[in-house]
């Protein structure tokens, strides 16, 4: 998933971030959500939690929108996804 290839530059996000970093992570989160949503049947190869939560977020499910208002939660989902893909050798 090439969209996450530069995610490593945010490895200190939780302890040392700027407003620009927050904007970047938010944009990356939205981009990843849209990318996964558009993967069709290929998204079934991803863990269900990523697909389900991002799908609900994109469909404006109130609980997911509220949950992901926190940029740290967006970052943590991206971090988990990045780690998963790295372990699989896809990044």
PDB file of N, CA and C in Angstrom:
ATOM      1  N   UNK A   1       0.866  -1.171   0.000  1.00  0.00           N
ATOM      2  CA  UNK A   1       0.000   0.000   0.000  1.00  0.00           C
ATOM      3  C   UNK A   1       0.909   1.229   0.000  1.00  0.00           C
ATOM      4  N   UNK A   2       1.167   1.718  -1.164  1.00  0.00           N
ATOM      5  CA  UNK A   2       2.122   2.812  -1.352  1.00  0.00           C
ATOM      6  C   UNK A   2       1.732   4.096  -0.631  1.00  0.00           C
ATOM      7  N   UNK A   3       0.475   4.297  -0.382  1.00  0.00           N
ATOM      8  CA  UNK A   3       0.022   5.526   0.267  1.00  0.00           C
ATOM      9  C   UNK A   3       0.657   5.691   1.656  1.00  0.00           C
ATOM     10  N   UNK A   4       1.069   4.581   2.278  1.00  0.00           N
ATOM     11  CA  UNK A   4       1.666   4.630   3.610  1.00  0.00           C
ATOM     12  C   UNK A   4       3.191   4.537   3.604  1.00  0.00           C
ATOM     13  N   UNK A   5       3.814   4.540   2.443  1.00  0.00           N
ATOM     14  CA  UNK A   5       5.255   4.287   2.372  1.00  0.00           C
ATOM     15  C   UNK A   5       6.102   5.299   3.154  1.00  0.00           C
ATOM     16  N   UNK A   6       5.645   6.516   3.315  1.00  0.00           N
ATOM     17  CA  UNK A   6       6.405   7.545   4.042  1.00  0.00           C
ATOM     18  C   UNK A   6       5.921   7.761   5.470  1.00  0.00           C
ATOM     19  N   UNK A   7       5.101   6.845   5.969  1.00  0.00           N
ATOM     20  CA  UNK A   7       4.525   7.009   7.304  1.00  0.00           C
ATOM     21  C   UNK A   7       5.588   7.058   8.398  1.00  0.00           C
ATOM     22  N   UNK A   8       6.706   6.406   8.198  1.00  0.00           N
ATOM     23  CA  UNK A   8       7.766   6.336   9.210  1.00  0.00           C
ATOM     24  C   UNK A   8       8.224   7.723   9.678  1.00  0.00           C
ATOM     25  N   UNK A   9       8.081   8.723   8.842  1.00  0.00           N
ATOM     26  CA  UNK A   9       8.530  10.058   9.247  1.00  0.00           C
ATOM     27  C   UNK A   9       7.724  10.616  10.420  1.00  0.00           C
ATOM     28  N   UNK A  10       6.613   9.979  10.733  1.00  0.00           N
ATOM     29  CA  UNK A  10       5.771  10.418  11.852  1.00  0.00           C
ATOM     30  C   UNK A  10       5.975   9.556  13.103  1.00  0.00           C
ATOM     31  N   UNK A  11       7.072   8.801  13.176  1.00  0.00           N
ATOM     32  CA  UNK A  11       7.253   7.868  14.276  1.00  0.00           C
ATOM     33  C   UNK A  11       7.278   8.551  15.650  1.00  0.00           C
ATOM     34  N   UNK A  12       7.595   9.820  15.720  1.00  0.00           N
ATOM     35  CA  UNK A  12       7.595  10.541  17.000  1.00  0.00           C
ATOM     36  C   UNK A  12       6.353  11.416  17.180  1.00  0.00           C
ATOM     37  N   UNK A  13       5.343  11.141  16.412  1.00  0.00           N
ATOM     38  CA  UNK A  13       4.136  11.969  16.392  1.00  0.00           C
ATOM     39  C   UNK A  13       3.512  12.146  17.776  1.00  0.00           C
ATOM     40  N   UNK A  14       3.441  11.083  18.547  1.00  0.00           N
ATOM     41  CA  UNK A  14       2.757  11.164  19.836  1.00  0.00           C
ATOM     42  C   UNK A  14       3.508  12.027  20.848  1.00  0.00           C
ATOM     43  N   UNK A  15       4.808  12.131  20.710  1.00  0.00           N
ATOM     44  CA  UNK A  15       5.585  12.892  21.684  1.00  0.00           C
ATOM     45  C   UNK A  15       6.070  14.249  21.168  1.00  0.00           C
ATOM     46  N   UNK A  16       6.140  14.399  19.855  1.00  0.00           N
ATOM     47  CA  UNK A  16       6.725  15.625  19.292  1.00  0.00           C
ATOM     48  C   UNK A  16       6.096  15.908  17.935  1.00  0.00           C
ATOM     49  N   UNK A  17       5.014  16.671  17.954  1.00  0.00           N
ATOM     50  CA  UNK A  17       4.334  16.950  16.686  1.00  0.00           C
ATOM     51  C   UNK A  17       4.029  18.433  16.562  1.00  0.00           C
ATOM     52  N   UNK A  18       3.838  18.828  15.320  1.00  0.00           N
ATOM     53  CA  UNK A  18       3.467  20.207  15.014  1.00  0.00           C
ATOM     54  C   UNK A  18       2.042  20.224  14.491  1.00  0.00           C
ATOM     55  N   UNK A  19       1.500  21.403  14.346  1.00  0.00           N
ATOM     56  CA  UNK A  19       0.166  21.540  13.752  1.00  0.00           C
ATOM     57  C   UNK A  19       0.182  21.019  12.316  1.00  0.00           C
ATOM     58  N   UNK A  20       1.289  21.224  11.621  1.00  0.00           N
ATOM     59  CA  UNK A  20       1.406  20.706  10.253  1.00  0.00           C
ATOM     60  C   UNK A  20       1.388  19.181  10.248  1.00  0.00           C
ATOM     61  N   UNK A  21       2.068  18.563  11.209  1.00  0.00           N
ATOM     62  CA  UNK A  21       2.039  17.098  11.326  1.00  0.00           C
ATOM     63  C   UNK A  21       0.611  16.609  11.543  1.00  0.00           C
ATOM     64  N   UNK A  22      -0.128  17.308  12.386  1.00  0.00           N
ATOM     65  CA  UNK A  22      -1.520  16.919  12.635  1.00  0.00           C
ATOM     66  C   UNK A  22      -2.348  17.006  11.363  1.00  0.00           C
ATOM     67  N   UNK A  23      -2.145  18.055  10.586  1.00  0.00           N
ATOM     68  CA  UNK A  23      -2.870  18.191   9.313  1.00  0.00           C
ATOM     69  C   UNK A  23      -2.469  17.070   8.358  1.00  0.00           C
ATOM     70  N   UNK A  24      -1.170  16.765   8.311  1.00  0.00           N
ATOM     71  CA  UNK A  24      -0.684  15.704   7.425  1.00  0.00           C
ATOM     72  C   UNK A  24      -1.260  14.344   7.808  1.00  0.00           C
ATOM     73  N   UNK A  25      -1.272  14.036   9.100  1.00  0.00           N
ATOM     74  CA  UNK A  25      -1.803  12.752   9.553  1.00  0.00           C
ATOM     75  C   UNK A  25      -3.298  12.669   9.273  1.00  0.00           C
ATOM     76  N   UNK A  26      -4.002  13.762   9.466  1.00  0.00           N
ATOM     77  CA  UNK A  26      -5.436  13.781   9.171  1.00  0.00           C
ATOM     78  C   UNK A  26      -5.684  13.539   7.683  1.00  0.00           C
ATOM     79  N   UNK A  27      -4.916  14.199   6.830  1.00  0.00           N
ATOM     80  CA  UNK A  27      -5.064  14.007   5.378  1.00  0.00           C
ATOM     81  C   UNK A  27      -4.692  12.586   4.981  1.00  0.00           C
ATOM     82  N   UNK A  28      -3.636  12.049   5.575  1.00  0.00           N
ATOM     83  CA  UNK A  28      -3.227  10.681   5.276  1.00  0.00           C
ATOM     84  C   UNK A  28      -4.300   9.693   5.719  1.00  0.00           C
ATOM     85  N   UNK A  29      -4.862   9.907   6.891  1.00  0.00           N
ATOM     86  CA  UNK A  29      -5.932   9.053   7.396  1.00  0.00           C
ATOM     87  C   UNK A  29      -7.109   9.032   6.425  1.00  0.00           C
ATOM     88  N   UNK A  30      -7.532  10.215   5.997  1.00  0.00           N
ATOM     89  CA  UNK A  30      -8.649  10.295   5.058  1.00  0.00           C
ATOM     90  C   UNK A  30      -8.303   9.614   3.733  1.00  0.00           C
ATOM     91  N   UNK A  31      -7.073   9.809   3.267  1.00  0.00           N
ATOM     92  CA  UNK A  31      -6.640   9.175   2.028  1.00  0.00           C
ATOM     93  C   UNK A  31      -6.604   7.662   2.128  1.00  0.00           C
ATOM     94  N   UNK A  32      -6.111   7.152   3.245  1.00  0.00           N
ATOM     95  CA  UNK A  32      -6.061   5.702   3.451  1.00  0.00           C
ATOM     96  C   UNK A  32      -7.474   5.138   3.536  1.00  0.00           C
ATOM     97  N   UNK A  33      -8.361   5.831   4.245  1.00  0.00           N
ATOM     98  CA  UNK A  33      -9.749   5.370   4.356  1.00  0.00           C
ATOM     99  C   UNK A  33     -10.385   5.261   2.969  1.00  0.00           C
ATOM    100  N   UNK A  34     -10.199   6.275   2.148  1.00  0.00           N
ATOM    101  CA  UNK A  34     -10.766   6.255   0.797  1.00  0.00           C
ATOM    102  C   UNK A  34     -10.105   5.183  -0.069  1.00  0.00           C
ATOM    103  N   UNK A  35      -8.788   5.026   0.080  1.00  0.00           N
ATOM    104  CA  UNK A  35      -8.070   4.017  -0.693  1.00  0.00           C
ATOM    105  C   UNK A  35      -8.588   2.616  -0.365  1.00  0.00           C
ATOM    106  N   UNK A  36      -8.681   2.310   0.930  1.00  0.00           N
ATOM    107  CA  UNK A  36      -9.157   0.984   1.334  1.00  0.00           C
ATOM    108  C   UNK A  36     -10.599   0.777   0.895  1.00  0.00           C
ATOM    109  N   UNK A  37     -11.415   1.794   1.012  1.00  0.00           N
ATOM    110  CA  UNK A  37     -12.811   1.675   0.594  1.00  0.00           C
ATOM    111  C   UNK A  37     -12.929   1.354  -0.894  1.00  0.00           C
ATOM    112  N   UNK A  38     -11.982   1.858  -1.672  1.00  0.00           N
ATOM    113  CA  UNK A  38     -12.025   1.629  -3.114  1.00  0.00           C
ATOM    114  C   UNK A  38     -11.302   0.377  -3.579  1.00  0.00           C
ATOM    115  N   UNK A  39     -10.794  -0.424  -2.658  1.00  0.00           N
ATOM    116  CA  UNK A  39     -10.035  -1.619  -3.032  1.00  0.00           C
ATOM    117  C   UNK A  39     -10.899  -2.771  -3.525  1.00  0.00           C
ATOM    118  N   UNK A  40     -12.187  -2.662  -3.385  1.00  0.00           N
ATOM    119  CA  UNK A  40     -13.053  -3.758  -3.806  1.00  0.00           C
ATOM    120  C   UNK A  40     -12.801  -5.002  -2.974  1.00  0.00           C
ATOM    121  N   UNK A  41     -12.830  -6.150  -3.618  1.00  0.00           N
ATOM    122  CA  UNK A  41     -12.664  -7.423  -2.912  1.00  0.00           C
ATOM    123  C   UNK A  41     -11.280  -7.571  -2.292  1.00  0.00           C
ATOM    124  N   UNK A  42     -10.292  -6.841  -2.783  1.00  0.00           N
ATOM    125  CA  UNK A  42      -8.928  -6.940  -2.248  1.00  0.00           C
ATOM    126  C   UNK A  42      -8.852  -6.499  -0.786  1.00  0.00           C
ATOM    127  N   UNK A  43      -9.778  -5.669  -0.361  1.00  0.00           N
ATOM    128  CA  UNK A  43      -9.736  -5.216   1.031  1.00  0.00           C
ATOM    129  C   UNK A  43     -10.059  -6.344   2.003  1.00  0.00           C
ATOM    130  N   UNK A  44     -10.613  -7.429   1.507  1.00  0.00           N
ATOM    131  CA  UNK A  44     -10.914  -8.572   2.363  1.00  0.00           C
ATOM    132  C   UNK A  44      -9.652  -9.242   2.880  1.00  0.00           C
ATOM    133  N   UNK A  45      -8.505  -8.947   2.269  1.00  0.00           N
ATOM    134  CA  UNK A  45      -7.231  -9.501   2.726  1.00  0.00           C
ATOM    135  C   UNK A  45      -6.709  -8.757   3.956  1.00  0.00           C
ATOM    136  N   UNK A  46      -7.288  -7.610   4.252  1.00  0.00           N
ATOM    137  CA  UNK A  46      -6.889  -6.823   5.426  1.00  0.00           C
ATOM    138  C   UNK A  46      -7.686  -7.277   6.645  1.00  0.00           C
ATOM    139  N   UNK A  47      -7.128  -7.090   7.847  1.00  0.00           N
ATOM    140  CA  UNK A  47      -7.903  -7.395   9.055  1.00  0.00           C
ATOM    141  C   UNK A  47      -9.219  -6.616   9.070  1.00  0.00           C
ATOM    142  N   UNK A  48     -10.249  -7.284   9.507  1.00  0.00           N
ATOM    143  CA  UNK A  48     -11.597  -6.723   9.477  1.00  0.00           C
ATOM    144  C   UNK A  48     -11.714  -5.395  10.222  1.00  0.00           C
ATOM    145  N   UNK A  49     -10.987  -5.235  11.320  1.00  0.00           N
ATOM    146  CA  UNK A  49     -11.091  -4.006  12.105  1.00  0.00           C
ATOM    147  C   UNK A  49     -10.757  -2.761  11.313  1.00  0.00           C
ATOM    148  N   UNK A  50      -9.723  -2.827  10.485  1.00  0.00           N
ATOM    149  CA  UNK A  50      -9.362  -1.672   9.659  1.00  0.00           C
ATOM    150  C   UNK A  50     -10.475  -1.355   8.661  1.00  0.00           C
ATOM    151  N   UNK A  51     -10.911  -2.378   7.976  1.00  0.00           N
ATOM    152  CA  UNK A  51     -11.915  -2.193   6.925  1.00  0.00           C
ATOM    153  C   UNK A  51     -13.233  -1.692   7.523  1.00  0.00           C
ATOM    154  N   UNK A  52     -13.659  -2.332   8.606  1.00  0.00           N
ATOM    155  CA  UNK A  52     -14.929  -1.962   9.235  1.00  0.00           C
ATOM    156  C   UNK A  52     -14.890  -0.536   9.782  1.00  0.00           C
ATOM    157  N   UNK A  53     -13.873  -0.227  10.594  1.00  0.00           N
ATOM    158  CA  UNK A  53     -13.828   1.091  11.234  1.00  0.00           C
ATOM    159  C   UNK A  53     -13.693   2.216  10.215  1.00  0.00           C
ATOM    160  N   UNK A  54     -12.832   2.026   9.220  1.00  0.00           N
ATOM    161  CA  UNK A  54     -12.670   3.070   8.204  1.00  0.00           C
ATOM    162  C   UNK A  54     -13.916   3.200   7.339  1.00  0.00           C
ATOM    163  N   UNK A  55     -14.571   2.083   7.055  1.00  0.00           N
ATOM    164  CA  UNK A  55     -15.818   2.130   6.289  1.00  0.00           C
ATOM    165  C   UNK A  55     -16.904   2.885   7.035  1.00  0.00           C
ATOM    166  N   UNK A  56     -17.036   2.601   8.325  1.00  0.00           N
ATOM    167  CA  UNK A  56     -18.033   3.314   9.135  1.00  0.00           C
ATOM    168  C   UNK A  56     -17.704   4.802   9.231  1.00  0.00           C
ATOM    169  N   UNK A  57     -16.425   5.114   9.336  1.00  0.00           N
ATOM    170  CA  UNK A  57     -16.001   6.516   9.375  1.00  0.00           C
ATOM    171  C   UNK A  57     -16.389   7.227   8.075  1.00  0.00           C
ATOM    172  N   UNK A  58     -16.091   6.597   6.956  1.00  0.00           N
ATOM    173  CA  UNK A  58     -16.413   7.209   5.660  1.00  0.00           C
ATOM    174  C   UNK A  58     -17.912   7.377   5.462  1.00  0.00           C
ATOM    175  N   UNK A  59     -18.684   6.478   6.038  1.00  0.00           N
ATOM    176  CA  UNK A  59     -20.142   6.552   5.900  1.00  0.00           C
ATOM    177  C   UNK A  59     -20.759   7.425   6.983  1.00  0.00           C
ATOM    178  N   UNK A  60     -19.894   8.145   7.702  1.00  0.00           N
ATOM    179  CA  UNK A  60     -20.311   9.150   8.692  1.00  0.00           C
ATOM    180  C   UNK A  60     -21.086   8.559   9.870  1.00  0.00           C
ATOM    181  N   UNK A  61     -20.753   7.321  10.245  1.00  0.00           N
ATOM    182  CA  UNK A  61     -21.347   6.731  11.444  1.00  0.00           C
ATOM    183  C   UNK A  61     -20.901   7.572  12.631  1.00  0.00           C
ATOM    184  N   UNK A  62     -21.862   8.136  13.351  1.00  0.00           N
ATOM    185  CA  UNK A  62     -21.581   9.132  14.389  1.00  0.00           C
ATOM    186  C   UNK A  62     -20.514   8.674  15.384  1.00  0.00           C
ATOM    187  N   UNK A  63     -20.594   7.426  15.842  1.00  0.00           N
ATOM    188  CA  UNK A  63     -19.638   6.938  16.828  1.00  0.00           C
ATOM    189  C   UNK A  63     -18.218   6.923  16.278  1.00  0.00           C
ATOM    190  N   UNK A  64     -18.057   6.536  15.017  1.00  0.00           N
ATOM    191  CA  UNK A  64     -16.722   6.474  14.421  1.00  0.00           C
ATOM    192  C   UNK A  64     -16.188   7.877  14.114  1.00  0.00           C
ATOM    193  N   UNK A  65     -17.040   8.745  13.652  1.00  0.00           N
ATOM    194  CA  UNK A  65     -16.613  10.123  13.383  1.00  0.00           C
ATOM    195  C   UNK A  65     -16.144  10.765  14.681  1.00  0.00           C
ATOM    196  N   UNK A  66     -16.916  10.587  15.741  1.00  0.00           N
ATOM    197  CA  UNK A  66     -16.540  11.149  17.035  1.00  0.00           C
ATOM    198  C   UNK A  66     -15.239  10.517  17.540  1.00  0.00           C
ATOM    199  N   UNK A  67     -15.110   9.211  17.411  1.00  0.00           N
ATOM    200  CA  UNK A  67     -13.911   8.508  17.875  1.00  0.00           C
ATOM    201  C   UNK A  67     -12.662   9.020  17.167  1.00  0.00           C
ATOM    202  N   UNK A  68     -12.766   9.188  15.865  1.00  0.00           N
ATOM    203  CA  UNK A  68     -11.606   9.598  15.077  1.00  0.00           C
ATOM    204  C   UNK A  68     -11.428  11.114  14.989  1.00  0.00           C
ATOM    205  N   UNK A  69     -12.212  11.876  15.731  1.00  0.00           N
ATOM    206  CA  UNK A  69     -11.945  13.315  15.813  1.00  0.00           C
ATOM    207  C   UNK A  69     -10.593  13.566  16.467  1.00  0.00           C
ATOM    208  N   UNK A  70     -10.189  12.665  17.324  1.00  0.00           N
ATOM    209  CA  UNK A  70      -8.897  12.754  18.014  1.00  0.00           C
ATOM    210  C   UNK A  70      -7.790  12.319  17.044  1.00  0.00           C
ATOM    211  N   UNK A  71      -6.902  13.233  16.708  1.00  0.00           N
ATOM    212  CA  UNK A  71      -5.843  12.952  15.741  1.00  0.00           C
ATOM    213  C   UNK A  71      -4.921  11.834  16.227  1.00  0.00           C
ATOM    214  N   UNK A  72      -4.791  11.675  17.530  1.00  0.00           N
ATOM    215  CA  UNK A  72      -3.961  10.582  18.039  1.00  0.00           C
ATOM    216  C   UNK A  72      -4.580   9.222  17.709  1.00  0.00           C
ATOM    217  N   UNK A  73      -5.879   9.125  17.729  1.00  0.00           N
ATOM    218  CA  UNK A  73      -6.537   7.864  17.341  1.00  0.00           C
ATOM    219  C   UNK A  73      -6.353   7.595  15.853  1.00  0.00           C
ATOM    220  N   UNK A  74      -6.396   8.642  15.052  1.00  0.00           N
ATOM    221  CA  UNK A  74      -6.137   8.474  13.620  1.00  0.00           C
ATOM    222  C   UNK A  74      -4.716   7.960  13.416  1.00  0.00           C
ATOM    223  N   UNK A  75      -3.787   8.596  14.136  1.00  0.00           N
ATOM    224  CA  UNK A  75      -2.393   8.185  14.041  1.00  0.00           C
ATOM    225  C   UNK A  75      -2.220   6.720  14.457  1.00  0.00           C
ATOM    226  N   UNK A  76      -2.833   6.330  15.558  1.00  0.00           N
ATOM    227  CA  UNK A  76      -2.672   4.965  16.051  1.00  0.00           C
ATOM    228  C   UNK A  76      -3.222   3.934  15.068  1.00  0.00           C
ATOM    229  N   UNK A  77      -4.338   4.223  14.435  1.00  0.00           N
ATOM    230  CA  UNK A  77      -4.848   3.295  13.420  1.00  0.00           C
ATOM    231  C   UNK A  77      -3.858   3.195  12.264  1.00  0.00           C
ATOM    232  N   UNK A  78      -3.352   4.333  11.805  1.00  0.00           N
ATOM    233  CA  UNK A  78      -2.375   4.310  10.712  1.00  0.00           C
ATOM    234  C   UNK A  78      -1.114   3.570  11.119  1.00  0.00           C
ATOM    235  N   UNK A  79      -0.675   3.758  12.343  1.00  0.00           N
ATOM    236  CA  UNK A  79       0.514   3.087  12.839  1.00  0.00           C
ATOM    237  C   UNK A  79       0.309   1.572  12.873  1.00  0.00           C
ATOM    238  N   UNK A  80      -0.847   1.141  13.346  1.00  0.00           N
ATOM    239  CA  UNK A  80      -1.152  -0.291  13.368  1.00  0.00           C
ATOM    240  C   UNK A  80      -1.205  -0.870  11.957  1.00  0.00           C
ATOM    241  N   UNK A  81      -1.834  -0.148  11.050  1.00  0.00           N
ATOM    242  CA  UNK A  81      -1.921  -0.610   9.670  1.00  0.00           C
ATOM    243  C   UNK A  81      -0.541  -0.664   9.029  1.00  0.00           C
ATOM    244  N   UNK A  82       0.265   0.353   9.276  1.00  0.00           N
ATOM    245  CA  UNK A  82       1.634   0.382   8.748  1.00  0.00           C
ATOM    246  C   UNK A  82       2.431  -0.814   9.272  1.00  0.00           C
ATOM    247  N   UNK A  83       2.342  -1.073  10.571  1.00  0.00           N
ATOM    248  CA  UNK A  83       3.048  -2.212  11.154  1.00  0.00           C
ATOM    249  C   UNK A  83       2.593  -3.531  10.568  1.00  0.00           C
ATOM    250  N   UNK A  84       1.285  -3.676  10.396  1.00  0.00           N
ATOM    251  CA  UNK A  84       0.734  -4.902   9.809  1.00  0.00           C
ATOM    252  C   UNK A  84       1.270  -5.110   8.388  1.00  0.00           C
ATOM    253  N   UNK A  85       1.212  -4.070   7.590  1.00  0.00           N
ATOM    254  CA  UNK A  85       1.666  -4.181   6.197  1.00  0.00           C
ATOM    255  C   UNK A  85       3.173  -4.408   6.121  1.00  0.00           C
ATOM    256  N   UNK A  86       3.910  -3.818   7.038  1.00  0.00           N
ATOM    257  CA  UNK A  86       5.358  -4.011   7.063  1.00  0.00           C
ATOM    258  C   UNK A  86       5.685  -5.473   7.411  1.00  0.00           C
ATOM    259  N   UNK A  87       4.990  -6.040   8.371  1.00  0.00           N
ATOM    260  CA  UNK A  87       5.199  -7.443   8.727  1.00  0.00           C
ATOM    261  C   UNK A  87       4.894  -8.384   7.563  1.00  0.00           C
ATOM    262  N   UNK A  88       3.905  -8.014   6.781  1.00  0.00           N
ATOM    263  CA  UNK A  88       3.537  -8.826   5.616  1.00  0.00           C
ATOM    264  C   UNK A  88       4.452  -8.584   4.419  1.00  0.00           C
ATOM    265  N   UNK A  89       5.363  -7.605   4.536  1.00  0.00           N
ATOM    266  CA  UNK A  89       6.269  -7.300   3.443  1.00  0.00           C
ATOM    267  C   UNK A  89       5.639  -6.481   2.328  1.00  0.00           C
ATOM    268  N   UNK A  90       4.565  -5.812   2.629  1.00  0.00           N
ATOM    269  CA  UNK A  90       3.851  -5.031   1.622  1.00  0.00           C
ATOM    270  C   UNK A  90       4.255  -3.560   1.623  1.00  0.00           C
ATOM    271  N   UNK A  91       5.165  -3.208   2.506  1.00  0.00           N
ATOM    272  CA  UNK A  91       5.722  -1.850   2.537  1.00  0.00           C
ATOM    273  C   UNK A  91       7.221  -1.995   2.602  1.00  0.00           C
TER     274      UNK A  91
END
